[in-house]
mmCIF file of all heavy atoms, coordinates in Angstrom:
data_MODEL
# 
_entry.id   MODEL 
# 
loop_
_atom_site.group_PDB 
_atom_site.id 
_atom_site.type_symbol 
_atom_site.label_atom_id 
_atom_site.label_alt_id 
_atom_site.label_comp_id 
_atom_site.label_asym_id 
_atom_site.label_entity_id 
_atom_site.label_seq_id 
_atom_site.pdbx_PDB_ins_code 
_atom_site.Cartn_x 
_atom_site.Cartn_y 
_atom_site.Cartn_z 
_atom_site.occupancy 
_atom_site.B_iso_or_equiv 
_atom_site.pdbx_formal_charge 
_atom_site.auth_seq_id 
_atom_site.auth_comp_id 
_atom_site.auth_asym_id 
_atom_site.auth_atom_id 
_atom_site.pdbx_PDB_model_num 
ATOM 1   N N   . TYR A 1 1  ? 96.362  36.927 134.746 1.00 0.00 ? 1  TYR A N   1 
ATOM 2   C CA  . TYR A 1 1  ? 96.915  37.838 135.737 1.00 0.00 ? 1  TYR A CA  1 
ATOM 3   C C   . TYR A 1 1  ? 98.329  38.331 135.381 1.00 0.00 ? 1  TYR A C   1 
ATOM 4   O O   . TYR A 1 1  ? 98.742  39.404 135.828 1.00 0.00 ? 1  TYR A O   1 
ATOM 5   C CB  . TYR A 1 1  ? 96.943  37.179 137.139 1.00 0.00 ? 1  TYR A CB  1 
ATOM 6   C CG  . TYR A 1 1  ? 97.573  35.804 137.188 1.00 0.00 ? 1  TYR A CG  1 
ATOM 7   C CD1 . TYR A 1 1  ? 98.940  35.646 137.336 1.00 0.00 ? 1  TYR A CD1 1 
ATOM 8   C CD2 . TYR A 1 1  ? 96.783  34.666 137.109 1.00 0.00 ? 1  TYR A CD2 1 
ATOM 9   C CE1 . TYR A 1 1  ? 99.507  34.396 137.402 1.00 0.00 ? 1  TYR A CE1 1 
ATOM 10  C CE2 . TYR A 1 1  ? 97.324  33.413 137.168 1.00 0.00 ? 1  TYR A CE2 1 
ATOM 11  C CZ  . TYR A 1 1  ? 98.695  33.277 137.309 1.00 0.00 ? 1  TYR A CZ  1 
ATOM 12  O OH  . TYR A 1 1  ? 99.259  32.020 137.357 1.00 0.00 ? 1  TYR A OH  1 
ATOM 13  N N   . VAL A 1 2  ? 99.066  37.578 134.581 1.00 0.00 ? 2  VAL A N   1 
ATOM 14  C CA  . VAL A 1 2  ? 100.395 38.054 134.174 1.00 0.00 ? 2  VAL A CA  1 
ATOM 15  C C   . VAL A 1 2  ? 100.246 39.315 133.312 1.00 0.00 ? 2  VAL A C   1 
ATOM 16  O O   . VAL A 1 2  ? 100.883 40.340 133.593 1.00 0.00 ? 2  VAL A O   1 
ATOM 17  C CB  . VAL A 1 2  ? 101.160 36.959 133.397 1.00 0.00 ? 2  VAL A CB  1 
ATOM 18  C CG1 . VAL A 1 2  ? 102.462 37.553 132.823 1.00 0.00 ? 2  VAL A CG1 1 
ATOM 19  C CG2 . VAL A 1 2  ? 101.493 35.799 134.316 1.00 0.00 ? 2  VAL A CG2 1 
ATOM 20  N N   . PHE A 1 3  ? 99.416  39.228 132.292 1.00 0.00 ? 3  PHE A N   1 
ATOM 21  C CA  . PHE A 1 3  ? 99.175  40.425 131.462 1.00 0.00 ? 3  PHE A CA  1 
ATOM 22  C C   . PHE A 1 3  ? 98.604  41.555 132.302 1.00 0.00 ? 3  PHE A C   1 
ATOM 23  O O   . PHE A 1 3  ? 99.035  42.703 132.167 1.00 0.00 ? 3  PHE A O   1 
ATOM 24  C CB  . PHE A 1 3  ? 98.211  40.111 130.314 1.00 0.00 ? 3  PHE A CB  1 
ATOM 25  C CG  . PHE A 1 3  ? 97.694  41.378 129.667 1.00 0.00 ? 3  PHE A CG  1 
ATOM 26  C CD1 . PHE A 1 3  ? 98.476  42.065 128.748 1.00 0.00 ? 3  PHE A CD1 1 
ATOM 27  C CD2 . PHE A 1 3  ? 96.448  41.913 130.013 1.00 0.00 ? 3  PHE A CD2 1 
ATOM 28  C CE1 . PHE A 1 3  ? 98.005  43.244 128.186 1.00 0.00 ? 3  PHE A CE1 1 
ATOM 29  C CE2 . PHE A 1 3  ? 95.984  43.083 129.466 1.00 0.00 ? 3  PHE A CE2 1 
ATOM 30  C CZ  . PHE A 1 3  ? 96.777  43.753 128.544 1.00 0.00 ? 3  PHE A CZ  1 
ATOM 31  N N   . ASP A 1 4  ? 97.625  41.248 133.141 1.00 0.00 ? 4  ASP A N   1 
ATOM 32  C CA  . ASP A 1 4  ? 96.950  42.278 133.913 1.00 0.00 ? 4  ASP A CA  1 
ATOM 33  C C   . ASP A 1 4  ? 97.950  43.049 134.770 1.00 0.00 ? 4  ASP A C   1 
ATOM 34  O O   . ASP A 1 4  ? 97.910  44.280 134.842 1.00 0.00 ? 4  ASP A O   1 
ATOM 35  C CB  . ASP A 1 4  ? 95.887  41.623 134.821 1.00 0.00 ? 4  ASP A CB  1 
ATOM 36  C CG  . ASP A 1 4  ? 94.913  42.664 135.379 1.00 0.00 ? 4  ASP A CG  1 
ATOM 37  O OD1 . ASP A 1 4  ? 94.240  43.328 134.583 1.00 0.00 ? 4  ASP A OD1 1 
ATOM 38  O OD2 . ASP A 1 4  ? 94.849  42.803 136.606 1.00 0.00 ? 4  ASP A OD2 1 
ATOM 39  N N   . GLY A 1 5  ? 98.875  42.333 135.392 1.00 0.00 ? 5  GLY A N   1 
ATOM 40  C CA  . GLY A 1 5  ? 99.876  42.982 136.230 1.00 0.00 ? 5  GLY A CA  1 
ATOM 41  C C   . GLY A 1 5  ? 100.803 43.880 135.417 1.00 0.00 ? 5  GLY A C   1 
ATOM 42  O O   . GLY A 1 5  ? 101.118 45.000 135.824 1.00 0.00 ? 5  GLY A O   1 
ATOM 43  N N   . LEU A 1 6  ? 101.233 43.402 134.247 1.00 0.00 ? 6  LEU A N   1 
ATOM 44  C CA  . LEU A 1 6  ? 102.123 44.190 133.405 1.00 0.00 ? 6  LEU A CA  1 
ATOM 45  C C   . LEU A 1 6  ? 101.411 45.444 132.885 1.00 0.00 ? 6  LEU A C   1 
ATOM 46  O O   . LEU A 1 6  ? 101.983 46.518 132.834 1.00 0.00 ? 6  LEU A O   1 
ATOM 47  C CB  . LEU A 1 6  ? 102.603 43.335 132.213 1.00 0.00 ? 6  LEU A CB  1 
ATOM 48  C CG  . LEU A 1 6  ? 103.555 42.183 132.557 1.00 0.00 ? 6  LEU A CG  1 
ATOM 49  C CD1 . LEU A 1 6  ? 103.774 41.318 131.327 1.00 0.00 ? 6  LEU A CD1 1 
ATOM 50  C CD2 . LEU A 1 6  ? 104.897 42.713 133.074 1.00 0.00 ? 6  LEU A CD2 1 
ATOM 51  N N   . PHE A 1 7  ? 100.144 45.275 132.497 1.00 0.00 ? 7  PHE A N   1 
ATOM 52  C CA  . PHE A 1 7  ? 99.405  46.413 131.928 1.00 0.00 ? 7  PHE A CA  1 
ATOM 53  C C   . PHE A 1 7  ? 99.174  47.480 132.981 1.00 0.00 ? 7  PHE A C   1 
ATOM 54  O O   . PHE A 1 7  ? 99.335  48.690 132.718 1.00 0.00 ? 7  PHE A O   1 
ATOM 55  C CB  . PHE A 1 7  ? 98.076  45.921 131.328 1.00 0.00 ? 7  PHE A CB  1 
ATOM 56  C CG  . PHE A 1 7  ? 97.297  46.991 130.634 1.00 0.00 ? 7  PHE A CG  1 
ATOM 57  C CD1 . PHE A 1 7  ? 97.705  47.496 129.413 1.00 0.00 ? 7  PHE A CD1 1 
ATOM 58  C CD2 . PHE A 1 7  ? 96.175  47.519 131.207 1.00 0.00 ? 7  PHE A CD2 1 
ATOM 59  C CE1 . PHE A 1 7  ? 97.012  48.487 128.773 1.00 0.00 ? 7  PHE A CE1 1 
ATOM 60  C CE2 . PHE A 1 7  ? 95.443  48.529 130.569 1.00 0.00 ? 7  PHE A CE2 1 
ATOM 61  C CZ  . PHE A 1 7  ? 95.876  49.020 129.327 1.00 0.00 ? 7  PHE A CZ  1 
ATOM 62  N N   . ARG A 1 8  ? 98.756  47.061 134.165 1.00 0.00 ? 8  ARG A N   1 
ATOM 63  C CA  . ARG A 1 8  ? 98.518  48.036 135.230 1.00 0.00 ? 8  ARG A CA  1 
ATOM 64  C C   . ARG A 1 8  ? 99.779  48.758 135.649 1.00 0.00 ? 8  ARG A C   1 
ATOM 65  O O   . ARG A 1 8  ? 99.721  49.907 136.094 1.00 0.00 ? 8  ARG A O   1 
ATOM 66  C CB  . ARG A 1 8  ? 97.890  47.317 136.456 1.00 0.00 ? 8  ARG A CB  1 
ATOM 67  C CG  . ARG A 1 8  ? 96.452  46.831 136.189 1.00 0.00 ? 8  ARG A CG  1 
ATOM 68  C CD  . ARG A 1 8  ? 95.898  46.125 137.406 1.00 0.00 ? 8  ARG A CD  1 
ATOM 69  N NE  . ARG A 1 8  ? 94.561  45.620 137.170 1.00 0.00 ? 8  ARG A NE  1 
ATOM 70  C CZ  . ARG A 1 8  ? 93.455  46.317 137.310 1.00 0.00 ? 8  ARG A CZ  1 
ATOM 71  N NH1 . ARG A 1 8  ? 93.520  47.578 137.676 1.00 0.00 ? 8  ARG A NH1 1 
ATOM 72  N NH2 . ARG A 1 8  ? 92.257  45.770 137.065 1.00 0.00 ? 8  ARG A NH2 1 
ATOM 73  N N   . ALA A 1 9  ? 100.930 48.096 135.484 1.00 0.00 ? 9  ALA A N   1 
ATOM 74  C CA  . ALA A 1 9  ? 102.193 48.714 135.827 1.00 0.00 ? 9  ALA A CA  1 
ATOM 75  C C   . ALA A 1 9  ? 102.772 49.560 134.681 1.00 0.00 ? 9  ALA A C   1 
ATOM 76  O O   . ALA A 1 9  ? 103.838 50.164 134.820 1.00 0.00 ? 9  ALA A O   1 
ATOM 77  C CB  . ALA A 1 9  ? 103.200 47.624 136.222 1.00 0.00 ? 9  ALA A CB  1 
ATOM 78  N N   . GLY A 1 10 ? 102.043 49.598 133.563 1.00 0.00 ? 10 GLY A N   1 
ATOM 79  C CA  . GLY A 1 10 ? 102.518 50.379 132.413 1.00 0.00 ? 10 GLY A CA  1 
ATOM 80  C C   . GLY A 1 10 ? 103.687 49.760 131.707 1.00 0.00 ? 10 GLY A C   1 
ATOM 81  O O   . GLY A 1 10 ? 104.445 50.460 131.017 1.00 0.00 ? 10 GLY A O   1 
ATOM 82  N N   . GLU A 1 11 ? 103.850 48.433 131.818 1.00 0.00 ? 11 GLU A N   1 
ATOM 83  C CA  . GLU A 1 11 ? 105.020 47.767 131.238 1.00 0.00 ? 11 GLU A CA  1 
ATOM 84  C C   . GLU A 1 11 ? 104.721 47.061 129.914 1.00 0.00 ? 11 GLU A C   1 
ATOM 85  O O   . GLU A 1 11 ? 105.605 46.415 129.347 1.00 0.00 ? 11 GLU A O   1 
ATOM 86  C CB  . GLU A 1 11 ? 105.573 46.757 132.256 1.00 0.00 ? 11 GLU A CB  1 
ATOM 87  C CG  . GLU A 1 11 ? 106.084 47.412 133.529 1.00 0.00 ? 11 GLU A CG  1 
ATOM 88  C CD  . GLU A 1 11 ? 106.624 46.416 134.521 1.00 0.00 ? 11 GLU A CD  1 
ATOM 89  O OE1 . GLU A 1 11 ? 106.825 45.249 134.146 1.00 0.00 ? 11 GLU A OE1 1 
ATOM 90  O OE2 . GLU A 1 11 ? 106.871 46.791 135.668 1.00 0.00 ? 11 GLU A OE2 1 
ATOM 91  N N   . ILE A 1 12 ? 103.491 47.181 129.427 1.00 0.00 ? 12 ILE A N   1 
ATOM 92  C CA  . ILE A 1 12 ? 103.161 46.598 128.135 1.00 0.00 ? 12 ILE A CA  1 
ATOM 93  C C   . ILE A 1 12 ? 102.092 47.443 127.480 1.00 0.00 ? 12 ILE A C   1 
ATOM 94  O O   . ILE A 1 12 ? 101.214 47.996 128.129 1.00 0.00 ? 12 ILE A O   1 
ATOM 95  C CB  . ILE A 1 12 ? 102.696 45.131 128.319 1.00 0.00 ? 12 ILE A CB  1 
ATOM 96  C CG1 . ILE A 1 12 ? 102.606 44.422 126.959 1.00 0.00 ? 12 ILE A CG1 1 
ATOM 97  C CG2 . ILE A 1 12 ? 101.324 45.064 129.003 1.00 0.00 ? 12 ILE A CG2 1 
ATOM 98  C CD1 . ILE A 1 12 ? 102.392 42.914 127.069 1.00 0.00 ? 12 ILE A CD1 1 
ATOM 99  N N   . GLU A 1 13 ? 102.200 47.582 126.151 1.00 0.00 ? 13 GLU A N   1 
ATOM 100 C CA  . GLU A 1 13 ? 101.235 48.354 125.369 1.00 0.00 ? 13 GLU A CA  1 
ATOM 101 C C   . GLU A 1 13 ? 100.157 47.390 124.827 1.00 0.00 ? 13 GLU A C   1 
ATOM 102 O O   . GLU A 1 13 ? 100.472 46.267 124.456 1.00 0.00 ? 13 GLU A O   1 
ATOM 103 C CB  . GLU A 1 13 ? 101.943 49.056 124.215 1.00 0.00 ? 13 GLU A CB  1 
ATOM 104 C CG  . GLU A 1 13 ? 101.047 49.946 123.384 1.00 0.00 ? 13 GLU A CG  1 
ATOM 105 C CD  . GLU A 1 13 ? 101.802 50.611 122.244 1.00 0.00 ? 13 GLU A CD  1 
ATOM 106 O OE1 . GLU A 1 13 ? 103.053 50.582 122.263 1.00 0.00 ? 13 GLU A OE1 1 
ATOM 107 O OE2 . GLU A 1 13 ? 101.142 51.124 121.331 1.00 0.00 ? 13 GLU A OE2 1 
ATOM 108 N N   . LEU A 1 14 ? 98.931  47.852 124.791 1.00 0.00 ? 14 LEU A N   1 
ATOM 109 C CA  . LEU A 1 14 ? 97.824  47.020 124.341 1.00 0.00 ? 14 LEU A CA  1 
ATOM 110 C C   . LEU A 1 14 ? 97.055  47.702 123.207 1.00 0.00 ? 14 LEU A C   1 
ATOM 111 O O   . LEU A 1 14 ? 96.747  48.878 123.277 1.00 0.00 ? 14 LEU A O   1 
ATOM 112 C CB  . LEU A 1 14 ? 96.845  46.759 125.490 1.00 0.00 ? 14 LEU A CB  1 
ATOM 113 C CG  . LEU A 1 14 ? 95.505  46.096 125.156 1.00 0.00 ? 14 LEU A CG  1 
ATOM 114 C CD1 . LEU A 1 14 ? 95.727  44.676 124.635 1.00 0.00 ? 14 LEU A CD1 1 
ATOM 115 C CD2 . LEU A 1 14 ? 94.581  46.100 126.366 1.00 0.00 ? 14 LEU A CD2 1 
ATOM 116 N N   . GLU A 1 15 ? 96.770  46.903 122.172 1.00 0.00 ? 15 GLU A N   1 
ATOM 117 C CA  . GLU A 1 15 ? 95.855  47.330 121.109 1.00 0.00 ? 15 GLU A CA  1 
ATOM 118 C C   . GLU A 1 15 ? 94.726  46.305 121.052 1.00 0.00 ? 15 GLU A C   1 
ATOM 119 O O   . GLU A 1 15 ? 94.966  45.146 120.687 1.00 0.00 ? 15 GLU A O   1 
ATOM 120 C CB  . GLU A 1 15 ? 96.546  47.419 119.768 1.00 0.00 ? 15 GLU A CB  1 
ATOM 121 C CG  . GLU A 1 15 ? 95.615  47.847 118.635 1.00 0.00 ? 15 GLU A CG  1 
ATOM 122 C CD  . GLU A 1 15 ? 96.289  47.913 117.275 1.00 0.00 ? 15 GLU A CD  1 
ATOM 123 O OE1 . GLU A 1 15 ? 97.531  48.001 117.209 1.00 0.00 ? 15 GLU A OE1 1 
ATOM 124 O OE2 . GLU A 1 15 ? 95.560  47.886 116.250 1.00 0.00 ? 15 GLU A OE2 1 
ATOM 125 N N   . VAL A 1 16 ? 93.533  46.717 121.418 1.00 0.00 ? 16 VAL A N   1 
ATOM 126 C CA  . VAL A 1 16 ? 92.389  45.814 121.395 1.00 0.00 ? 16 VAL A CA  1 
ATOM 127 C C   . VAL A 1 16 ? 91.731  45.861 120.012 1.00 0.00 ? 16 VAL A C   1 
ATOM 128 O O   . VAL A 1 16 ? 91.467  46.951 119.489 1.00 0.00 ? 16 VAL A O   1 
ATOM 129 C CB  . VAL A 1 16 ? 91.345  46.190 122.480 1.00 0.00 ? 16 VAL A CB  1 
ATOM 130 C CG1 . VAL A 1 16 ? 90.112  45.320 122.363 1.00 0.00 ? 16 VAL A CG1 1 
ATOM 131 C CG2 . VAL A 1 16 ? 91.975  46.056 123.867 1.00 0.00 ? 16 VAL A CG2 1 
ATOM 132 N N   . VAL A 1 17 ? 91.475  44.702 119.455 1.00 0.00 ? 17 VAL A N   1 
ATOM 133 C CA  . VAL A 1 17 ? 90.853  44.591 118.123 1.00 0.00 ? 17 VAL A CA  1 
ATOM 134 C C   . VAL A 1 17 ? 89.703  43.595 118.241 1.00 0.00 ? 17 VAL A C   1 
ATOM 135 O O   . VAL A 1 17 ? 89.908  42.479 118.709 1.00 0.00 ? 17 VAL A O   1 
ATOM 136 C CB  . VAL A 1 17 ? 91.852  44.086 117.069 1.00 0.00 ? 17 VAL A CB  1 
ATOM 137 C CG1 . VAL A 1 17 ? 91.190  44.040 115.703 1.00 0.00 ? 17 VAL A CG1 1 
ATOM 138 C CG2 . VAL A 1 17 ? 93.092  44.985 117.017 1.00 0.00 ? 17 VAL A CG2 1 
ATOM 139 N N   . PRO A 1 18 ? 88.483  43.993 117.851 1.00 0.00 ? 18 PRO A N   1 
ATOM 140 C CA  . PRO A 1 18 ? 87.378  43.027 117.866 1.00 0.00 ? 18 PRO A CA  1 
ATOM 141 C C   . PRO A 1 18 ? 87.779  41.755 117.113 1.00 0.00 ? 18 PRO A C   1 
ATOM 142 O O   . PRO A 1 18 ? 88.494  41.795 116.109 1.00 0.00 ? 18 PRO A O   1 
ATOM 143 C CB  . PRO A 1 18 ? 86.255  43.774 117.138 1.00 0.00 ? 18 PRO A CB  1 
ATOM 144 C CG  . PRO A 1 18 ? 86.562  45.230 117.388 1.00 0.00 ? 18 PRO A CG  1 
ATOM 145 C CD  . PRO A 1 18 ? 88.055  45.333 117.369 1.00 0.00 ? 18 PRO A CD  1 
ATOM 146 N N   . GLN A 1 19 ? 87.320  40.615 117.611 1.00 0.00 ? 19 GLN A N   1 
ATOM 147 C CA  . GLN A 1 19 ? 87.814  39.339 117.097 1.00 0.00 ? 19 GLN A CA  1 
ATOM 148 C C   . GLN A 1 19 ? 87.631  39.152 115.588 1.00 0.00 ? 19 GLN A C   1 
ATOM 149 O O   . GLN A 1 19 ? 88.548  38.712 114.888 1.00 0.00 ? 19 GLN A O   1 
ATOM 150 C CB  . GLN A 1 19 ? 87.159  38.178 117.845 1.00 0.00 ? 19 GLN A CB  1 
ATOM 151 C CG  . GLN A 1 19 ? 87.797  36.841 117.543 1.00 0.00 ? 19 GLN A CG  1 
ATOM 152 C CD  . GLN A 1 19 ? 87.185  35.744 118.380 1.00 0.00 ? 19 GLN A CD  1 
ATOM 153 O OE1 . GLN A 1 19 ? 86.071  35.317 118.144 1.00 0.00 ? 19 GLN A OE1 1 
ATOM 154 N NE2 . GLN A 1 19 ? 87.911  35.293 119.380 1.00 0.00 ? 19 GLN A NE2 1 
ATOM 155 N N   . GLY A 1 20 ? 86.483  39.514 115.068 1.00 0.00 ? 20 GLY A N   1 
ATOM 156 C CA  . GLY A 1 20 ? 86.259  39.389 113.625 1.00 0.00 ? 20 GLY A CA  1 
ATOM 157 C C   . GLY A 1 20 ? 87.191  40.295 112.844 1.00 0.00 ? 20 GLY A C   1 
ATOM 158 O O   . GLY A 1 20 ? 87.726  39.890 111.784 1.00 0.00 ? 20 GLY A O   1 
ATOM 159 N N   . ASN A 1 21 ? 87.406  41.499 113.345 1.00 0.00 ? 21 ASN A N   1 
ATOM 160 C CA  . ASN A 1 21 ? 88.349  42.418 112.683 1.00 0.00 ? 21 ASN A CA  1 
ATOM 161 C C   . ASN A 1 21 ? 89.768  41.873 112.741 1.00 0.00 ? 21 ASN A C   1 
ATOM 162 O O   . ASN A 1 21 ? 90.515  42.004 111.786 1.00 0.00 ? 21 ASN A O   1 
ATOM 163 C CB  . ASN A 1 21 ? 88.289  43.803 113.331 1.00 0.00 ? 21 ASN A CB  1 
ATOM 164 C CG  . ASN A 1 21 ? 87.021  44.563 113.011 1.00 0.00 ? 21 ASN A CG  1 
ATOM 165 O OD1 . ASN A 1 21 ? 86.129  44.052 112.338 1.00 0.00 ? 21 ASN A OD1 1 
ATOM 166 N ND2 . ASN A 1 21 ? 86.936  45.787 113.486 1.00 0.00 ? 21 ASN A ND2 1 
ATOM 167 N N   . LEU A 1 22 ? 90.127  41.283 113.888 1.00 0.00 ? 22 LEU A N   1 
ATOM 168 C CA  . LEU A 1 22 ? 91.476  40.721 114.023 1.00 0.00 ? 22 LEU A CA  1 
ATOM 169 C C   . LEU A 1 22 ? 91.711  39.633 112.994 1.00 0.00 ? 22 LEU A C   1 
ATOM 170 O O   . LEU A 1 22 ? 92.723  39.637 112.279 1.00 0.00 ? 22 LEU A O   1 
ATOM 171 C CB  . LEU A 1 22 ? 91.674  40.155 115.440 1.00 0.00 ? 22 LEU A CB  1 
ATOM 172 C CG  . LEU A 1 22 ? 93.045  39.550 115.720 1.00 0.00 ? 22 LEU A CG  1 
ATOM 173 C CD1 . LEU A 1 22 ? 94.114  40.621 115.752 1.00 0.00 ? 22 LEU A CD1 1 
ATOM 174 C CD2 . LEU A 1 22 ? 93.034  38.777 117.057 1.00 0.00 ? 22 LEU A CD2 1 
ATOM 175 N N   . ALA A 1 23 ? 90.759  38.714 112.877 1.00 0.00 ? 23 ALA A N   1 
ATOM 176 C CA  . ALA A 1 23 ? 90.897  37.614 111.910 1.00 0.00 ? 23 ALA A CA  1 
ATOM 177 C C   . ALA A 1 23 ? 90.960  38.151 110.486 1.00 0.00 ? 23 ALA A C   1 
ATOM 178 O O   . ALA A 1 23 ? 91.784  37.709 109.669 1.00 0.00 ? 23 ALA A O   1 
ATOM 179 C CB  . ALA A 1 23 ? 89.740  36.640 112.059 1.00 0.00 ? 23 ALA A CB  1 
ATOM 180 N N   . GLU A 1 24 ? 90.118  39.146 110.183 1.00 0.00 ? 24 GLU A N   1 
ATOM 181 C CA  . GLU A 1 24 ? 90.096  39.667 108.818 1.00 0.00 ? 24 GLU A CA  1 
ATOM 182 C C   . GLU A 1 24 ? 91.312  40.507 108.513 1.00 0.00 ? 24 GLU A C   1 
ATOM 183 O O   . GLU A 1 24 ? 91.805  40.500 107.354 1.00 0.00 ? 24 GLU A O   1 
ATOM 184 C CB  . GLU A 1 24 ? 88.819  40.478 108.585 1.00 0.00 ? 24 GLU A CB  1 
ATOM 185 C CG  . GLU A 1 24 ? 88.620  40.963 107.160 1.00 0.00 ? 24 GLU A CG  1 
ATOM 186 C CD  . GLU A 1 24 ? 88.453  39.842 106.132 1.00 0.00 ? 24 GLU A CD  1 
ATOM 187 O OE1 . GLU A 1 24 ? 88.366  38.659 106.540 1.00 0.00 ? 24 GLU A OE1 1 
ATOM 188 O OE2 . GLU A 1 24 ? 88.409  40.141 104.926 1.00 0.00 ? 24 GLU A OE2 1 
ATOM 189 N N   . ARG A 1 25 ? 91.870  41.213 109.484 1.00 0.00 ? 25 ARG A N   1 
ATOM 190 C CA  . ARG A 1 25 ? 93.083  41.977 109.258 1.00 0.00 ? 25 ARG A CA  1 
ATOM 191 C C   . ARG A 1 25 ? 94.269  41.035 108.954 1.00 0.00 ? 25 ARG A C   1 
ATOM 192 O O   . ARG A 1 25 ? 95.113  41.319 108.088 1.00 0.00 ? 25 ARG A O   1 
ATOM 193 C CB  . ARG A 1 25 ? 93.416  42.858 110.470 1.00 0.00 ? 25 ARG A CB  1 
ATOM 194 C CG  . ARG A 1 25 ? 92.466  44.047 110.651 1.00 0.00 ? 25 ARG A CG  1 
ATOM 195 C CD  . ARG A 1 25 ? 92.849  44.859 111.870 1.00 0.00 ? 25 ARG A CD  1 
ATOM 196 N NE  . ARG A 1 25 ? 94.151  45.508 111.687 1.00 0.00 ? 25 ARG A NE  1 
ATOM 197 C CZ  . ARG A 1 25 ? 94.788  46.183 112.656 1.00 0.00 ? 25 ARG A CZ  1 
ATOM 198 N NH1 . ARG A 1 25 ? 94.233  46.269 113.856 1.00 0.00 ? 25 ARG A NH1 1 
ATOM 199 N NH2 . ARG A 1 25 ? 95.942  46.768 112.410 1.00 0.00 ? 25 ARG A NH2 1 
ATOM 200 N N   . ILE A 1 26 ? 94.315  39.902 109.656 1.00 0.00 ? 26 ILE A N   1 
ATOM 201 C CA  . ILE A 1 26 ? 95.347  38.919 109.393 1.00 0.00 ? 26 ILE A CA  1 
ATOM 202 C C   . ILE A 1 26 ? 95.149  38.295 108.019 1.00 0.00 ? 26 ILE A C   1 
ATOM 203 O O   . ILE A 1 26 ? 96.089  38.151 107.235 1.00 0.00 ? 26 ILE A O   1 
ATOM 204 C CB  . ILE A 1 26 ? 95.352  37.842 110.507 1.00 0.00 ? 26 ILE A CB  1 
ATOM 205 C CG1 . ILE A 1 26 ? 95.707  38.453 111.861 1.00 0.00 ? 26 ILE A CG1 1 
ATOM 206 C CG2 . ILE A 1 26 ? 96.328  36.709 110.143 1.00 0.00 ? 26 ILE A CG2 1 
ATOM 207 C CD1 . ILE A 1 26 ? 95.463  37.516 113.030 1.00 0.00 ? 26 ILE A CD1 1 
ATOM 208 N N   . ARG A 1 27 ? 93.892  37.912 107.729 1.00 0.00 ? 27 ARG A N   1 
ATOM 209 C CA  . ARG A 1 27 ? 93.590  37.291 106.430 1.00 0.00 ? 27 ARG A CA  1 
ATOM 210 C C   . ARG A 1 27 ? 93.901  38.262 105.289 1.00 0.00 ? 27 ARG A C   1 
ATOM 211 O O   . ARG A 1 27 ? 94.427  37.846 104.235 1.00 0.00 ? 27 ARG A O   1 
ATOM 212 C CB  . ARG A 1 27 ? 92.135  36.886 106.371 1.00 0.00 ? 27 ARG A CB  1 
ATOM 213 C CG  . ARG A 1 27 ? 91.797  35.972 105.182 1.00 0.00 ? 27 ARG A CG  1 
ATOM 214 C CD  . ARG A 1 27 ? 90.321  35.936 104.903 1.00 0.00 ? 27 ARG A CD  1 
ATOM 215 N NE  . ARG A 1 27 ? 89.848  37.209 104.369 1.00 0.00 ? 27 ARG A NE  1 
ATOM 216 C CZ  . ARG A 1 27 ? 89.928  37.569 103.096 1.00 0.00 ? 27 ARG A CZ  1 
ATOM 217 N NH1 . ARG A 1 27 ? 90.513  36.755 102.207 1.00 0.00 ? 27 ARG A NH1 1 
ATOM 218 N NH2 . ARG A 1 27 ? 89.464  38.744 102.690 1.00 0.00 ? 27 ARG A NH2 1 
ATOM 219 N N   . ALA A 1 28 ? 93.591  39.543 105.485 1.00 0.00 ? 28 ALA A N   1 
ATOM 220 C CA  . ALA A 1 28 ? 93.852  40.544 104.442 1.00 0.00 ? 28 ALA A CA  1 
ATOM 221 C C   . ALA A 1 28 ? 95.328  40.647 104.114 1.00 0.00 ? 28 ALA A C   1 
ATOM 222 O O   . ALA A 1 28 ? 95.714  40.786 102.943 1.00 0.00 ? 28 ALA A O   1 
ATOM 223 C CB  . ALA A 1 28 ? 93.313  41.909 104.889 1.00 0.00 ? 28 ALA A CB  1 
# 
């Protein structure tokens, strides 16, 4: 709920990355 509140208020930017892609981007 902390993130949810900040996001709905426009106070945080979000980049969603599929989990496998996230792990592989970090590994890369």
